C-alpha cells in the first residue's frame, strides 16, 4: 500500500468513526430533549431553544463537524416561507449576470432551489465537499443564527423576513402538502396555535428573526437584513442594495441597459411560476427529500393572511409580535415599511 493510499484510508476511517459518534450523539439528543407536535411529521424536537425536525438536528451536528467555509462565501438565511425562493433567484441571477443571457437562463430550466445548495439537508459526506462550486459560493439555510457554526457567522449573510401572519398561512399550506400520509390533516386552527407557541420548524419565529436582526445591528457589513414587503414594493432598489452587499454592484453601463429591471422581471413571481419547470418539475434535497416546484409558487402576495385569519387571530399574533420585538427597533407587519 502506498503512503498516499494509507493516509487516505486512515482519514476515511477516522471520518467514518466521527460520523458514527455524531449519529450516537443525535440518538441520545432526540431521546432527551422536549418534543412537540410537528407540522409535516409527528414530532419536532426542541434543540437549543428551537424546534427542529429530527433530521435537521442531525444535520446541524454534521454541519458543525464537517462544513468548511471560505472567506468569499455568501449565505441566504430565512425562516421558512419568508421569501427564500424569490431571493435565491435574485441572488443567483445577480452574481452570475455576466455568465448567462436572459434569453436562455438556467432559471428557465431549473427551479430556483437548484441554483445553490440548501445546507440544512445536505448529508454526510456531501456537506464537507463543496469545493467544486465557483467563488463566491452561495448557500441557503433556515437555521437561526445561534445554531450556525462560527465559520458561517463570520461570512456574509443575507437575511429576509416577512409579516408573521403571512408566514403562518404560507407555511401551513406548504407543510400540509408534505404532511405524512400516516397523520391526520393539520387544521389551520392547530397550526395557528402551534405557531403562537413557537412550535414550528425552525421556530419560534420571533426568536429566529431577532437572532439575525440583532447581529445585523452589530455587524451591518456582515448581515444584510431585508423585509419581504420592501422587496415587493421596491424590488429594483432592494436589488441594487443586494448587489452592493454581495460585492457585485451594478455599473453605470448596466444601469443604462436596464439590467436591474431585467433581473427583477426574470425572477418575478409571474415569470417563474409560469415556467414549465416550475409547473411540473421536482427539486431533490439531499438523498431523501423531493418537493414539487409548484409548491413554491402559491401566491407570493402581501396580506394573504386576511383571507384565512380571523380578527381575533390577527390580534393575537400582532400582540405576540409587539411583545417579542419590544425594544429591538424592529417592526414587522402592516406598518413595517
C-alpha atoms as a PDB file:
ATOM      1  CA  UNK A   1       0.000   0.000   0.000  1.00  0.00           C
ATOM      2  CA  UNK A   2       1.360   3.416  -0.974  1.00  0.00           C
ATOM      3  CA  UNK A   3       1.740   6.193   1.588  1.00  0.00           C
ATOM      4  CA  UNK A   4      -0.987   8.279  -0.100  1.00  0.00           C
ATOM      5  CA  UNK A   5      -3.394   5.344  -0.125  1.00  0.00           C
ATOM      6  CA  UNK A   6      -2.611   4.597   3.517  1.00  0.00           C
ATOM      7  CA  UNK A   7      -3.210   8.230   4.542  1.00  0.00           C
ATOM      8  CA  UNK A   8      -6.474   8.397   2.566  1.00  0.00           C
ATOM      9  CA  UNK A   9      -7.730   5.144   4.085  1.00  0.00           C
ATOM     10  CA  UNK A  10      -6.769   6.283   7.590  1.00  0.00           C
ATOM     11  CA  UNK A  11      -8.508   9.635   7.125  1.00  0.00           C
ATOM     12  CA  UNK A  12     -11.673   7.993   5.793  1.00  0.00           C
ATOM     13  CA  UNK A  13     -11.710   5.561   8.730  1.00  0.00           C
ATOM     14  CA  UNK A  14     -11.423   8.451  11.194  1.00  0.00           C
ATOM     15  CA  UNK A  15     -14.191  10.385   9.426  1.00  0.00           C
ATOM     16  CA  UNK A  16     -16.451   7.328   9.490  1.00  0.00           C
ATOM     17  CA  UNK A  17     -15.757   6.896  13.211  1.00  0.00           C
ATOM     18  CA  UNK A  18     -16.546  10.585  13.833  1.00  0.00           C
ATOM     19  CA  UNK A  19     -19.744  10.248  11.804  1.00  0.00           C
ATOM     20  CA  UNK A  20     -20.854   7.226  13.819  1.00  0.00           C
ATOM     21  CA  UNK A  21     -20.138   9.158  17.007  1.00  0.00           C
ATOM     22  CA  UNK A  22     -22.357  12.013  15.805  1.00  0.00           C
ATOM     23  CA  UNK A  23     -25.128   9.541  14.973  1.00  0.00           C
ATOM     24  CA  UNK A  24     -24.979   8.206  18.526  1.00  0.00           C
ATOM     25  CA  UNK A  25     -24.986  11.742  19.943  1.00  0.00           C
ATOM     26  CA  UNK A  26     -28.022  12.542  17.801  1.00  0.00           C
ATOM     27  CA  UNK A  27     -29.857   9.449  19.023  1.00  0.00           C
ATOM     28  CA  UNK A  28     -29.323  10.394  22.667  1.00  0.00           C
ATOM     29  CA  UNK A  29     -30.335  14.016  21.983  1.00  0.00           C
ATOM     30  CA  UNK A  30     -33.662  13.003  20.467  1.00  0.00           C
ATOM     31  CA  UNK A  31     -34.405  10.861  23.497  1.00  0.00           C
ATOM     32  CA  UNK A  32     -33.532  13.657  25.943  1.00  0.00           C
ATOM     33  CA  UNK A  33     -34.892  16.936  24.537  1.00  0.00           C
ATOM     34  CA  UNK A  34     -38.540  18.123  24.722  1.00  0.00           C
ATOM     35  CA  UNK A  35     -40.807  17.237  21.812  1.00  0.00           C
ATOM     36  CA  UNK A  36     -43.939  18.828  20.393  1.00  0.00           C
ATOM     37  CA  UNK A  37     -46.424  18.228  17.591  1.00  0.00           C
ATOM     38  CA  UNK A  38     -44.942  18.536  14.124  1.00  0.00           C
ATOM     39  CA  UNK A  39     -46.446  20.110  11.018  1.00  0.00           C
ATOM     40  CA  UNK A  40     -45.288  17.589   8.416  1.00  0.00           C
ATOM     41  CA  UNK A  41     -44.086  14.817  10.746  1.00  0.00           C
ATOM     42  CA  UNK A  42     -45.376  13.545  14.065  1.00  0.00           C
ATOM     43  CA  UNK A  43     -42.892  15.364  16.294  1.00  0.00           C
ATOM     44  CA  UNK A  44     -40.494  18.283  16.348  1.00  0.00           C
ATOM     45  CA  UNK A  45     -37.740  18.476  18.955  1.00  0.00           C
ATOM     46  CA  UNK A  46     -36.508  21.479  20.918  1.00  0.00           C
ATOM     47  CA  UNK A  47     -32.801  21.793  20.257  1.00  0.00           C
ATOM     48  CA  UNK A  48     -31.054  24.734  21.961  1.00  0.00           C
ATOM     49  CA  UNK A  49     -34.284  26.724  22.053  1.00  0.00           C
ATOM     50  CA  UNK A  50     -35.542  25.992  18.535  1.00  0.00           C
ATOM     51  CA  UNK A  51     -37.965  23.362  17.235  1.00  0.00           C
ATOM     52  CA  UNK A  52     -36.460  21.160  14.546  1.00  0.00           C
ATOM     53  CA  UNK A  53     -37.207  18.064  12.517  1.00  0.00           C
ATOM     54  CA  UNK A  54     -35.010  15.238  13.890  1.00  0.00           C
ATOM     55  CA  UNK A  55     -33.081  15.118  10.606  1.00  0.00           C
ATOM     56  CA  UNK A  56     -32.391  18.857  10.882  1.00  0.00           C
ATOM     57  CA  UNK A  57     -30.841  18.319  14.314  1.00  0.00           C
ATOM     58  CA  UNK A  58     -28.588  15.578  12.981  1.00  0.00           C
ATOM     59  CA  UNK A  59     -27.586  17.718  10.022  1.00  0.00           C
ATOM     60  CA  UNK A  60     -26.776  20.618  12.331  1.00  0.00           C
ATOM     61  CA  UNK A  61     -24.350  18.395  14.226  1.00  0.00           C
ATOM     62  CA  UNK A  62     -22.780  17.375  10.920  1.00  0.00           C
ATOM     63  CA  UNK A  63     -22.597  20.999   9.810  1.00  0.00           C
ATOM     64  CA  UNK A  64     -20.589  21.922  12.903  1.00  0.00           C
ATOM     65  CA  UNK A  65     -18.307  18.929  12.452  1.00  0.00           C
ATOM     66  CA  UNK A  66     -17.613  18.968   8.719  1.00  0.00           C
ATOM     67  CA  UNK A  67     -18.570  22.186   6.941  1.00  0.00           C
ATOM     68  CA  UNK A  68     -15.660  24.416   5.938  1.00  0.00           C
ATOM     69  CA  UNK A  69     -16.438  27.939   4.812  1.00  0.00           C
ATOM     70  CA  UNK A  70     -14.434  30.160   2.500  1.00  0.00           C
ATOM     71  CA  UNK A  71     -13.955  33.914   3.084  1.00  0.00           C
ATOM     72  CA  UNK A  72     -15.964  34.772  -0.035  1.00  0.00           C
ATOM     73  CA  UNK A  73     -18.975  32.576   0.833  1.00  0.00           C
ATOM     74  CA  UNK A  74     -22.415  34.217   0.904  1.00  0.00           C
ATOM     75  CA  UNK A  75     -25.341  32.704   2.824  1.00  0.00           C
ATOM     76  CA  UNK A  76     -29.056  33.283   2.361  1.00  0.00           C
ATOM     77  CA  UNK A  77     -30.827  32.788   5.677  1.00  0.00           C
ATOM     78  CA  UNK A  78     -34.556  32.934   6.366  1.00  0.00           C
ATOM     79  CA  UNK A  79     -37.416  31.475   8.330  1.00  0.00           C
ATOM     80  CA  UNK A  80     -39.451  29.083   6.198  1.00  0.00           C
ATOM     81  CA  UNK A  81     -41.859  30.782   3.733  1.00  0.00           C
ATOM     82  CA  UNK A  82     -40.417  34.259   4.159  1.00  0.00           C
ATOM     83  CA  UNK A  83     -39.287  34.818   0.575  1.00  0.00           C
ATOM     84  CA  UNK A  84     -36.459  32.299   0.164  1.00  0.00           C
ATOM     85  CA  UNK A  85     -37.391  31.150  -3.353  1.00  0.00           C
ATOM     86  CA  UNK A  86     -37.542  34.659  -4.776  1.00  0.00           C
ATOM     87  CA  UNK A  87     -34.355  35.838  -3.084  1.00  0.00           C
ATOM     88  CA  UNK A  88     -32.480  32.729  -4.197  1.00  0.00           C
ATOM     89  CA  UNK A  89     -33.340  33.541  -7.792  1.00  0.00           C
ATOM     90  CA  UNK A  90     -32.351  37.198  -7.374  1.00  0.00           C
ATOM     91  CA  UNK A  91     -29.022  36.393  -5.711  1.00  0.00           C
ATOM     92  CA  UNK A  92     -28.087  33.734  -8.266  1.00  0.00           C
ATOM     93  CA  UNK A  93     -29.011  35.933 -11.233  1.00  0.00           C
ATOM     94  CA  UNK A  94     -27.158  38.946  -9.846  1.00  0.00           C
ATOM     95  CA  UNK A  95     -23.927  37.114  -9.050  1.00  0.00           C
ATOM     96  CA  UNK A  96     -23.964  35.265 -12.384  1.00  0.00           C
ATOM     97  CA  UNK A  97     -25.289  38.045 -14.638  1.00  0.00           C
ATOM     98  CA  UNK A  98     -22.119  38.041 -16.773  1.00  0.00           C
ATOM     99  CA  UNK A  99     -22.258  34.267 -17.325  1.00  0.00           C
ATOM    100  CA  UNK A 100     -25.768  33.803 -18.700  1.00  0.00           C
ATOM    101  CA  UNK A 101     -28.025  35.547 -21.167  1.00  0.00           C
ATOM    102  CA  UNK A 102     -31.575  36.499 -20.262  1.00  0.00           C
ATOM    103  CA  UNK A 103     -32.908  34.641 -23.290  1.00  0.00           C
ATOM    104  CA  UNK A 104     -31.552  31.245 -22.191  1.00  0.00           C
ATOM    105  CA  UNK A 105     -31.045  31.464 -18.455  1.00  0.00           C
ATOM    106  CA  UNK A 106     -30.595  28.495 -16.049  1.00  0.00           C
ATOM    107  CA  UNK A 107     -33.743  29.620 -14.229  1.00  0.00           C
ATOM    108  CA  UNK A 108     -35.682  28.774 -17.384  1.00  0.00           C
ATOM    109  CA  UNK A 109     -34.708  25.129 -16.999  1.00  0.00           C
ATOM    110  CA  UNK A 110     -34.198  24.606 -13.260  1.00  0.00           C
ATOM    111  CA  UNK A 111     -36.179  25.742 -10.233  1.00  0.00           C
ATOM    112  CA  UNK A 112     -34.625  28.494  -8.056  1.00  0.00           C
ATOM    113  CA  UNK A 113     -33.774  25.957  -5.358  1.00  0.00           C
ATOM    114  CA  UNK A 114     -31.377  24.222  -7.735  1.00  0.00           C
ATOM    115  CA  UNK A 115     -29.321  27.419  -8.068  1.00  0.00           C
ATOM    116  CA  UNK A 116     -27.298  26.880  -4.882  1.00  0.00           C
ATOM    117  CA  UNK A 117     -27.180  24.308  -2.048  1.00  0.00           C
ATOM    118  CA  UNK A 118     -29.521  24.206   0.922  1.00  0.00           C
ATOM    119  CA  UNK A 119     -27.139  23.171   3.699  1.00  0.00           C
ATOM    120  CA  UNK A 120     -29.835  22.090   6.171  1.00  0.00           C
ATOM    121  CA  UNK A 121     -30.442  18.869   4.240  1.00  0.00           C
ATOM    122  CA  UNK A 122     -27.088  18.060   2.608  1.00  0.00           C
ATOM    123  CA  UNK A 123     -25.956  14.897   4.369  1.00  0.00           C
ATOM    124  CA  UNK A 124     -22.518  13.468   5.120  1.00  0.00           C
ATOM    125  CA  UNK A 125     -20.180  13.279   3.236  1.00  0.00           C
ATOM    126  CA  UNK A 126     -21.656  15.815   0.761  1.00  0.00           C
ATOM    127  CA  UNK A 127     -21.733  18.545   3.395  1.00  0.00           C
ATOM    128  CA  UNK A 128     -17.940  18.510   3.613  1.00  0.00           C
ATOM    129  CA  UNK A 129     -17.284  18.825  -0.105  1.00  0.00           C
ATOM    130  CA  UNK A 130     -18.410  21.970  -1.918  1.00  0.00           C
ATOM    131  CA  UNK A 131     -15.003  22.724  -3.374  1.00  0.00           C
ATOM    132  CA  UNK A 132     -16.367  22.351  -6.900  1.00  0.00           C
ATOM    133  CA  UNK A 133     -18.531  25.462  -6.558  1.00  0.00           C
ATOM    134  CA  UNK A 134     -17.161  28.691  -8.090  1.00  0.00           C
ATOM    135  CA  UNK A 135     -16.449  31.644  -5.818  1.00  0.00           C
ATOM    136  CA  UNK A 136     -18.323  33.324  -4.389  1.00  0.00           C
ATOM    137  CA  UNK A 137     -20.062  30.147  -3.249  1.00  0.00           C
ATOM    138  CA  UNK A 138     -23.674  30.641  -2.166  1.00  0.00           C
ATOM    139  CA  UNK A 139     -25.651  28.560   0.308  1.00  0.00           C
ATOM    140  CA  UNK A 140     -29.135  28.715   1.815  1.00  0.00           C
ATOM    141  CA  UNK A 141     -30.237  27.862   5.348  1.00  0.00           C
ATOM    142  CA  UNK A 142     -33.257  28.102   7.629  1.00  0.00           C
ATOM    143  CA  UNK A 143     -31.237  27.643  10.813  1.00  0.00           C
ATOM    144  CA  UNK A 144     -31.356  30.543  13.278  1.00  0.00           C
ATOM    145  CA  UNK A 145     -28.046  32.348  13.583  1.00  0.00           C
ATOM    146  CA  UNK A 146     -27.380  30.905  17.043  1.00  0.00           C
ATOM    147  CA  UNK A 147     -27.283  27.377  15.587  1.00  0.00           C
ATOM    148  CA  UNK A 148     -24.814  28.178  12.799  1.00  0.00           C
ATOM    149  CA  UNK A 149     -21.132  27.195  13.098  1.00  0.00           C
ATOM    150  CA  UNK A 150     -18.765  30.129  13.811  1.00  0.00           C
ATOM    151  CA  UNK A 151     -17.177  29.688  10.373  1.00  0.00           C
ATOM    152  CA  UNK A 152     -20.526  30.614   8.780  1.00  0.00           C
ATOM    153  CA  UNK A 153     -21.369  33.532  11.050  1.00  0.00           C
ATOM    154  CA  UNK A 154     -18.067  35.141  10.023  1.00  0.00           C
ATOM    155  CA  UNK A 155     -19.211  35.157   6.355  1.00  0.00           C
ATOM    156  CA  UNK A 156     -21.654  37.494   4.629  1.00  0.00           C
ATOM    157  CA  UNK A 157     -25.302  36.635   5.295  1.00  0.00           C
ATOM    158  CA  UNK A 158     -28.407  37.937   3.543  1.00  0.00           C
ATOM    159  CA  UNK A 159     -31.483  37.541   5.749  1.00  0.00           C
ATOM    160  CA  UNK A 160     -35.076  38.044   4.653  1.00  0.00           C
ATOM    161  CA  UNK A 161     -38.076  38.249   6.989  1.00  0.00           C
ATOM    162  CA  UNK A 162     -41.802  38.682   6.473  1.00  0.00           C
ATOM    163  CA  UNK A 163     -45.016  39.539   8.322  1.00  0.00           C
ATOM    164  CA  UNK A 164     -45.514  36.519  10.641  1.00  0.00           C
ATOM    165  CA  UNK A 165     -49.199  36.305   9.698  1.00  0.00           C
ATOM    166  CA  UNK A 166     -48.309  35.715   6.042  1.00  0.00           C
ATOM    167  CA  UNK A 167     -45.532  33.328   7.113  1.00  0.00           C
ATOM    168  CA  UNK A 168     -48.013  31.288   9.142  1.00  0.00           C
ATOM    169  CA  UNK A 169     -50.536  30.962   6.317  1.00  0.00           C
ATOM    170  CA  UNK A 170     -47.928  30.204   3.651  1.00  0.00           C
ATOM    171  CA  UNK A 171     -46.179  27.688   5.880  1.00  0.00           C
ATOM    172  CA  UNK A 172     -49.437  25.933   6.745  1.00  0.00           C
ATOM    173  CA  UNK A 173     -50.262  25.492   3.044  1.00  0.00           C
ATOM    174  CA  UNK A 174     -46.748  24.288   2.238  1.00  0.00           C
ATOM    175  CA  UNK A 175     -46.414  21.856   5.126  1.00  0.00           C
ATOM    176  CA  UNK A 176     -49.906  20.479   4.542  1.00  0.00           C
ATOM    177  CA  UNK A 177     -48.752  19.408   1.082  1.00  0.00           C
ATOM    178  CA  UNK A 178     -45.867  17.499   2.644  1.00  0.00           C
ATOM    179  CA  UNK A 179     -47.510  16.151   5.776  1.00  0.00           C
ATOM    180  CA  UNK A 180     -47.018  12.434   6.328  1.00  0.00           C
ATOM    181  CA  UNK A 181     -49.916  10.382   4.952  1.00  0.00           C
ATOM    182  CA  UNK A 182     -49.853   8.435   8.216  1.00  0.00           C
ATOM    183  CA  UNK A 183     -51.018  11.537  10.104  1.00  0.00           C
ATOM    184  CA  UNK A 184     -54.415  13.290  10.057  1.00  0.00           C
ATOM    185  CA  UNK A 185     -54.532  16.653   8.232  1.00  0.00           C
ATOM    186  CA  UNK A 186     -53.276  19.652  10.177  1.00  0.00           C
ATOM    187  CA  UNK A 187     -56.027  22.251  10.503  1.00  0.00           C
ATOM    188  CA  UNK A 188     -55.295  25.967  10.304  1.00  0.00           C
ATOM    189  CA  UNK A 189     -56.508  26.348  13.889  1.00  0.00           C
ATOM    190  CA  UNK A 190     -53.979  23.740  15.057  1.00  0.00           C
ATOM    191  CA  UNK A 191     -51.185  25.322  13.020  1.00  0.00           C
ATOM    192  CA  UNK A 192     -52.080  28.754  14.393  1.00  0.00           C
ATOM    193  CA  UNK A 193     -51.907  27.547  17.981  1.00  0.00           C
ATOM    194  CA  UNK A 194     -48.591  25.785  17.444  1.00  0.00           C
ATOM    195  CA  UNK A 195     -47.146  28.840  15.670  1.00  0.00           C
ATOM    196  CA  UNK A 196     -48.151  31.138  18.521  1.00  0.00           C
ATOM    197  CA  UNK A 197     -46.472  28.747  20.965  1.00  0.00           C
ATOM    198  CA  UNK A 198     -43.342  28.868  18.829  1.00  0.00           C
ATOM    199  CA  UNK A 199     -43.665  25.217  17.824  1.00  0.00           C
ATOM    200  CA  UNK A 200     -42.991  25.032  14.101  1.00  0.00           C
ATOM    201  CA  UNK A 201     -39.971  24.007  12.037  1.00  0.00           C
ATOM    202  CA  UNK A 202     -37.084  26.354  12.990  1.00  0.00           C
ATOM    203  CA  UNK A 203     -39.383  28.241  15.370  1.00  0.00           C
ATOM    204  CA  UNK A 204     -40.095  30.232  17.421  1.00  0.00           C
ATOM    205  CA  UNK A 205     -40.441  32.663  14.520  1.00  0.00           C
ATOM    206  CA  UNK A 206     -39.701  35.769  16.592  1.00  0.00           C
ATOM    207  CA  UNK A 207     -36.517  34.434  18.193  1.00  0.00           C
ATOM    208  CA  UNK A 208     -35.348  33.330  14.737  1.00  0.00           C
ATOM    209  CA  UNK A 209     -35.799  36.812  13.280  1.00  0.00           C
ATOM    210  CA  UNK A 210     -34.214  38.508  16.283  1.00  0.00           C
ATOM    211  CA  UNK A 211     -31.128  36.294  16.114  1.00  0.00           C
ATOM    212  CA  UNK A 212     -30.291  37.865  12.745  1.00  0.00           C
ATOM    213  CA  UNK A 213     -31.695  41.334  13.418  1.00  0.00           C
ATOM    214  CA  UNK A 214     -29.517  41.916  16.479  1.00  0.00           C
ATOM    215  CA  UNK A 215     -26.442  40.596  14.675  1.00  0.00           C
ATOM    216  CA  UNK A 216     -27.177  42.895  11.710  1.00  0.00           C
ATOM    217  CA  UNK A 217     -27.109  45.891  14.039  1.00  0.00           C
ATOM    218  CA  UNK A 218     -23.749  44.801  15.450  1.00  0.00           C
ATOM    219  CA  UNK A 219     -22.131  43.901  12.111  1.00  0.00           C
ATOM    220  CA  UNK A 220     -24.057  45.528   9.219  1.00  0.00           C
ATOM    221  CA  UNK A 221     -21.147  44.773   6.885  1.00  0.00           C
ATOM    222  CA  UNK A 222     -21.713  41.042   7.516  1.00  0.00           C
ATOM    223  CA  UNK A 223     -25.521  40.786   7.595  1.00  0.00           C
ATOM    224  CA  UNK A 224     -27.926  42.430   5.158  1.00  0.00           C
ATOM    225  CA  UNK A 225     -31.370  42.377   6.779  1.00  0.00           C
ATOM    226  CA  UNK A 226     -34.234  42.585   4.274  1.00  0.00           C
ATOM    227  CA  UNK A 227     -38.009  42.641   4.531  1.00  0.00           C
ATOM    228  CA  UNK A 228     -40.174  40.817   2.010  1.00  0.00           C
ATOM    229  CA  UNK A 229     -42.654  43.687   1.952  1.00  0.00           C
ATOM    230  CA  UNK A 230     -39.930  46.179   0.986  1.00  0.00           C
ATOM    231  CA  UNK A 231     -38.746  43.827  -1.751  1.00  0.00           C
ATOM    232  CA  UNK A 232     -42.262  43.655  -3.198  1.00  0.00           C
ATOM    233  CA  UNK A 233     -42.728  47.440  -3.139  1.00  0.00           C
ATOM    234  CA  UNK A 234     -39.283  48.466  -4.423  1.00  0.00           C
ATOM    235  CA  UNK A 235     -37.598  45.421  -5.977  1.00  0.00           C
ATOM    236  CA  UNK A 236     -35.117  47.443  -8.073  1.00  0.00           C
ATOM    237  CA  UNK A 237     -33.961  49.466  -5.063  1.00  0.00           C
ATOM    238  CA  UNK A 238     -33.505  46.353  -2.929  1.00  0.00           C
ATOM    239  CA  UNK A 239     -31.709  44.508  -5.737  1.00  0.00           C
ATOM    240  CA  UNK A 240     -29.172  47.300  -6.132  1.00  0.00           C
ATOM    241  CA  UNK A 241     -28.552  47.237  -2.383  1.00  0.00           C
ATOM    242  CA  UNK A 242     -28.197  43.447  -2.522  1.00  0.00           C
ATOM    243  CA  UNK A 243     -25.664  43.632  -5.367  1.00  0.00           C
ATOM    244  CA  UNK A 244     -23.502  46.113  -3.443  1.00  0.00           C
ATOM    245  CA  UNK A 245     -23.587  43.932  -0.337  1.00  0.00           C
ATOM    246  CA  UNK A 246     -22.542  40.854  -2.305  1.00  0.00           C
ATOM    247  CA  UNK A 247     -19.599  42.736  -3.808  1.00  0.00           C
ATOM    248  CA  UNK A 248     -21.086  42.860  -7.318  1.00  0.00           C
ATOM    249  CA  UNK A 249     -22.555  46.380  -7.693  1.00  0.00           C
ATOM    250  CA  UNK A 250     -24.217  47.293 -10.949  1.00  0.00           C
ATOM    251  CA  UNK A 251     -22.135  49.519 -13.200  1.00  0.00           C
ATOM    252  CA  UNK A 252     -23.384  52.726 -14.784  1.00  0.00           C
ATOM    253  CA  UNK A 253     -23.455  50.923 -18.130  1.00  0.00           C
ATOM    254  CA  UNK A 254     -25.578  48.118 -16.679  1.00  0.00           C
ATOM    255  CA  UNK A 255     -27.990  50.631 -15.184  1.00  0.00           C
ATOM    256  CA  UNK A 256     -28.312  52.324 -18.575  1.00  0.00           C
ATOM    257  CA  UNK A 257     -29.062  48.946 -20.173  1.00  0.00           C
ATOM    258  CA  UNK A 258     -31.782  48.247 -17.566  1.00  0.00           C
ATOM    259  CA  UNK A 259     -30.015  45.124 -16.264  1.00  0.00           C
ATOM    260  CA  UNK A 260     -31.579  45.622 -12.825  1.00  0.00           C
ATOM    261  CA  UNK A 261     -35.079  45.719 -14.279  1.00  0.00           C
ATOM    262  CA  UNK A 262     -34.346  42.669 -16.447  1.00  0.00           C
ATOM    263  CA  UNK A 263     -33.222  40.626 -13.442  1.00  0.00           C
ATOM    264  CA  UNK A 264     -36.292  41.698 -11.478  1.00  0.00           C
ATOM    265  CA  UNK A 265     -38.512  40.633 -14.375  1.00  0.00           C
ATOM    266  CA  UNK A 266     -36.673  37.314 -14.827  1.00  0.00           C
ATOM    267  CA  UNK A 267     -37.097  36.490 -11.122  1.00  0.00           C
ATOM    268  CA  UNK A 268     -40.642  37.789 -10.704  1.00  0.00           C
ATOM    269  CA  UNK A 269     -43.373  35.540  -9.363  1.00  0.00           C
ATOM    270  CA  UNK A 270     -45.268  35.877 -12.625  1.00  0.00           C
ATOM    271  CA  UNK A 271     -42.310  34.820 -14.772  1.00  0.00           C
ATOM    272  CA  UNK A 272     -41.045  31.970 -12.600  1.00  0.00           C
ATOM    273  CA  UNK A 273     -44.444  30.498 -11.755  1.00  0.00           C
ATOM    274  CA  UNK A 274     -45.344  30.238 -15.447  1.00  0.00           C
ATOM    275  CA  UNK A 275     -42.221  28.324 -16.444  1.00  0.00           C
ATOM    276  CA  UNK A 276     -42.793  24.674 -17.287  1.00  0.00           C
ATOM    277  CA  UNK A 277     -40.062  23.570 -14.863  1.00  0.00           C
ATOM    278  CA  UNK A 278     -41.919  25.248 -12.001  1.00  0.00           C
ATOM    279  CA  UNK A 279     -45.259  23.782 -13.025  1.00  0.00           C
ATOM    280  CA  UNK A 280     -44.165  20.158 -13.367  1.00  0.00           C
ATOM    281  CA  UNK A 281     -40.554  19.931 -12.156  1.00  0.00           C
ATOM    282  CA  UNK A 282     -39.320  18.329  -8.938  1.00  0.00           C
ATOM    283  CA  UNK A 283     -36.490  19.549  -6.721  1.00  0.00           C
ATOM    284  CA  UNK A 284     -34.397  16.999  -4.823  1.00  0.00           C
ATOM    285  CA  UNK A 285     -32.826  17.904  -1.481  1.00  0.00           C
ATOM    286  CA  UNK A 286     -30.183  15.514  -0.225  1.00  0.00           C
ATOM    287  CA  UNK A 287     -30.903  11.825  -0.671  1.00  0.00           C
ATOM    288  CA  UNK A 288     -34.442  11.520   0.610  1.00  0.00           C
ATOM    289  CA  UNK A 289     -36.499  14.697   0.118  1.00  0.00           C
ATOM    290  CA  UNK A 290     -38.275  15.677  -3.078  1.00  0.00           C
ATOM    291  CA  UNK A 291     -40.541  18.705  -3.466  1.00  0.00           C
ATOM    292  CA  UNK A 292     -42.650  19.628  -6.482  1.00  0.00           C
ATOM    293  CA  UNK A 293     -41.551  23.073  -7.666  1.00  0.00           C
ATOM    294  CA  UNK A 294     -45.155  24.255  -7.998  1.00  0.00           C
ATOM    295  CA  UNK A 295     -45.498  24.180  -4.212  1.00  0.00           C
ATOM    296  CA  UNK A 296     -43.037  27.073  -4.010  1.00  0.00           C
ATOM    297  CA  UNK A 297     -45.320  29.281  -6.102  1.00  0.00           C
ATOM    298  CA  UNK A 298     -48.671  29.667  -4.386  1.00  0.00           C
ATOM    299  CA  UNK A 299     -49.379  33.426  -4.315  1.00  0.00           C
ATOM    300  CA  UNK A 300     -46.384  35.431  -3.115  1.00  0.00           C
ATOM    301  CA  UNK A 301     -48.667  38.264  -2.008  1.00  0.00           C
ATOM    302  CA  UNK A 302     -48.553  40.714   0.885  1.00  0.00           C
ATOM    303  CA  UNK A 303     -51.545  40.355   3.194  1.00  0.00           C
ATOM    304  CA  UNK A 304     -52.908  36.990   2.029  1.00  0.00           C
ATOM    305  CA  UNK A 305     -53.419  36.222   5.734  1.00  0.00           C
ATOM    306  CA  UNK A 306     -56.594  38.330   5.545  1.00  0.00           C
ATOM    307  CA  UNK A 307     -58.200  35.509   3.538  1.00  0.00           C
ATOM    308  CA  UNK A 308     -57.513  32.962   6.281  1.00  0.00           C
ATOM    309  CA  UNK A 309     -57.180  34.501   9.742  1.00  0.00           C
ATOM    310  CA  UNK A 310     -59.946  35.917  11.908  1.00  0.00           C
ATOM    311  CA  UNK A 311     -59.643  39.310  13.592  1.00  0.00           C
ATOM    312  CA  UNK A 312     -59.023  37.505  16.883  1.00  0.00           C
ATOM    313  CA  UNK A 313     -56.161  35.513  15.334  1.00  0.00           C
ATOM    314  CA  UNK A 314     -54.695  38.673  13.845  1.00  0.00           C
ATOM    315  CA  UNK A 315     -54.813  40.468  17.178  1.00  0.00           C
ATOM    316  CA  UNK A 316     -53.140  37.572  18.974  1.00  0.00           C
ATOM    317  CA  UNK A 317     -50.207  37.293  16.555  1.00  0.00           C
ATOM    318  CA  UNK A 318     -49.748  41.065  16.415  1.00  0.00           C
ATOM    319  CA  UNK A 319     -49.748  41.131  20.216  1.00  0.00           C
ATOM    320  CA  UNK A 320     -47.080  38.440  20.413  1.00  0.00           C
ATOM    321  CA  UNK A 321     -45.032  40.241  17.742  1.00  0.00           C
ATOM    322  CA  UNK A 322     -45.189  43.580  19.554  1.00  0.00           C
ATOM    323  CA  UNK A 323     -44.218  41.952  22.851  1.00  0.00           C
ATOM    324  CA  UNK A 324     -41.376  39.877  21.414  1.00  0.00           C
ATOM    325  CA  UNK A 325     -39.871  42.733  19.375  1.00  0.00           C
ATOM    326  CA  UNK A 326     -40.314  45.417  22.037  1.00  0.00           C
ATOM    327  CA  UNK A 327     -37.174  47.499  22.391  1.00  0.00           C
ATOM    328  CA  UNK A 328     -35.413  45.810  19.457  1.00  0.00           C
ATOM    329  CA  UNK A 329     -36.072  48.583  16.943  1.00  0.00           C
ATOM    330  CA  UNK A 330     -37.550  46.046  14.528  1.00  0.00           C
ATOM    331  CA  UNK A 331     -41.121  46.427  13.279  1.00  0.00           C
ATOM    332  CA  UNK A 332     -42.911  43.665  11.388  1.00  0.00           C
ATOM    333  CA  UNK A 333     -46.382  43.578   9.908  1.00  0.00           C
ATOM    334  CA  UNK A 334     -48.602  46.150   8.242  1.00  0.00           C
ATOM    335  CA  UNK A 335     -46.584  49.163   9.361  1.00  0.00           C
ATOM    336  CA  UNK A 336     -43.137  47.642   8.834  1.00  0.00           C
ATOM    337  CA  UNK A 337     -42.114  49.562   5.720  1.00  0.00           C
END
